[in-house]
Amino acid sequence: MMQRLLGSLLLIGGLAACQAPVITRSAPMPVNRNAALAAAFGVKEDAKAVAQREFRRIDANSDSALTEAEYIAAQTADYKEADLTSVRTYLQRQFAKFDRNKNKRLSFAEYIGT
């Protein structure tokens, strides 16, 4: 009896394992890996597009580079004046670290760390 039951379970399990899953797609998968991940999770934009939009928002004079003043102004907009001294010091150090070519301006590549 036990052998027959075991044989039946193996047969059923074997048939189930042989059936390939049915995959349907409503749209073709994007070629770009980031775009594919964004689409899979329902995200409308990839991280680089969000960073580009944020970079343009911070770039007050639209010269495609961030000055230290623009960078600090954007980062400290939500702080109260009393809190700003230590925050500004920290941001100045961060800006200097990101500015790899030391020209006192952040390009988009430096801003995103590439």
Protein backbone atom coordinates (compact mmCIF):
# COMPACT_ATOMS: atom_id res chain seq x y z
CA MET A 1 0.00 0.00 0.00
CA MET A 2 2.76 2.45 0.99
CA GLN A 3 4.68 1.64 -2.19
CA ARG A 4 1.62 2.32 -4.35
CA LEU A 5 0.99 5.65 -2.60
CA LEU A 6 4.62 6.66 -2.99
CA GLY A 7 4.53 5.68 -6.68
CA SER A 8 1.40 7.78 -7.22
CA LEU A 9 2.95 10.78 -5.54
CA LEU A 10 6.11 10.49 -7.64
CA LEU A 11 4.03 10.23 -10.81
CA ILE A 12 1.95 13.28 -9.93
CA GLY A 13 5.02 15.25 -8.85
CA GLY A 14 6.88 14.23 -12.00
CA LEU A 15 4.06 15.38 -14.25
CA ALA A 16 3.79 18.69 -12.43
CA ALA A 17 7.54 19.25 -12.72
CA CYS A 18 7.46 18.58 -16.47
CA GLN A 19 4.91 21.29 -17.17
CA ALA A 20 6.53 24.57 -18.17
CA PRO A 21 5.12 27.70 -16.54
CA VAL A 22 3.12 29.97 -18.80
CA ILE A 23 4.59 33.46 -18.97
CA THR A 24 2.68 36.27 -20.58
CA ARG A 25 3.95 39.78 -21.10
CA SER A 26 1.82 42.78 -21.79
CA ALA A 27 4.80 44.71 -23.19
CA PRO A 28 8.27 43.78 -24.43
CA MET A 29 11.03 43.89 -21.82
CA PRO A 30 13.26 46.97 -22.09
CA VAL A 31 16.85 46.41 -23.17
CA ASN A 32 18.32 48.63 -20.44
CA ARG A 33 18.71 46.62 -17.21
CA ASN A 34 17.74 49.56 -14.99
CA ALA A 35 14.69 50.23 -17.10
CA ALA A 36 13.77 46.53 -16.87
CA LEU A 37 14.01 46.59 -13.08
CA ALA A 38 12.07 49.83 -12.89
CA ALA A 39 9.32 48.38 -15.12
CA ALA A 40 9.19 45.17 -13.08
CA PHE A 41 8.56 47.11 -9.88
CA GLY A 42 6.23 49.67 -11.42
CA VAL A 43 8.69 52.56 -11.18
CA LYS A 44 8.16 55.14 -13.89
CA GLU A 45 11.73 56.47 -13.97
CA ASP A 46 15.14 55.00 -13.37
CA ALA A 47 17.52 56.43 -10.76
CA LYS A 48 19.62 58.32 -13.29
CA ALA A 49 16.58 60.17 -14.63
CA VAL A 50 15.59 61.15 -11.09
CA ALA A 51 19.15 62.34 -10.39
CA GLN A 52 19.18 64.38 -13.62
CA ARG A 53 15.93 66.09 -12.67
CA GLU A 54 17.25 66.84 -9.17
CA PHE A 55 20.55 68.14 -10.63
CA ARG A 56 18.68 70.52 -12.95
CA ARG A 57 16.53 71.69 -10.03
CA ILE A 58 19.58 72.49 -7.89
CA ASP A 59 21.49 74.16 -10.76
CA ALA A 60 20.07 77.64 -10.18
CA ASN A 61 21.88 79.35 -13.08
CA SER A 62 21.40 76.41 -15.53
CA ASP A 63 25.08 76.18 -16.47
CA SER A 64 25.17 72.36 -16.17
CA ALA A 65 27.41 72.50 -13.09
CA LEU A 66 26.74 72.97 -9.39
CA THR A 67 28.69 75.50 -7.41
CA GLU A 68 29.27 74.97 -3.71
CA ALA A 69 26.72 77.70 -2.97
CA GLU A 70 24.04 76.02 -5.12
CA TYR A 71 24.75 72.64 -3.56
CA ILE A 72 24.60 73.94 0.00
CA ALA A 73 21.51 76.08 -0.65
CA ALA A 74 19.60 73.10 -2.01
CA GLN A 75 20.64 70.81 0.84
CA THR A 76 19.88 73.30 3.62
CA ALA A 77 16.54 74.63 2.38
CA ASP A 78 14.62 72.72 5.06
CA TYR A 79 16.88 73.55 8.03
CA LYS A 80 16.32 76.27 10.58
CA GLU A 81 19.02 78.94 10.71
CA ALA A 82 20.19 77.80 14.16
CA ASP A 83 21.09 74.33 12.84
CA LEU A 84 22.98 75.49 9.77
CA THR A 85 26.54 75.98 11.01
CA SER A 86 27.40 72.30 11.48
CA VAL A 87 25.35 71.28 8.45
CA ARG A 88 27.17 73.77 6.20
CA THR A 89 30.55 72.54 7.45
CA TYR A 90 29.56 68.96 6.68
CA LEU A 91 28.24 69.88 3.22
CA GLN A 92 31.39 71.84 2.38
CA ARG A 93 33.46 68.72 3.14
CA GLN A 94 31.09 66.58 1.08
CA PHE A 95 31.28 69.00 -1.85
CA ALA A 96 35.09 68.96 -1.77
CA LYS A 97 35.03 65.15 -1.69
CA PHE A 98 32.65 64.92 -4.69
CA ASP A 99 34.60 67.53 -6.70
CA ARG A 100 37.17 65.09 -8.06
CA ASN A 101 38.84 67.50 -10.47
CA LYS A 102 38.92 70.26 -7.80
CA ASN A 103 37.50 72.97 -10.08
CA LYS A 104 34.99 74.12 -7.41
CA ARG A 105 32.08 72.90 -9.55
CA LEU A 106 30.24 69.57 -9.66
CA SER A 107 29.47 68.11 -13.03
CA PHE A 108 26.55 65.69 -13.29
CA ALA A 109 29.00 62.75 -13.37
CA GLU A 110 30.63 63.95 -10.15
CA TYR A 111 27.20 64.57 -8.61
CA ILE A 112 26.07 60.97 -9.17
CA GLY A 113 29.49 59.57 -8.31
CA THR A 114 30.51 58.08 -11.65
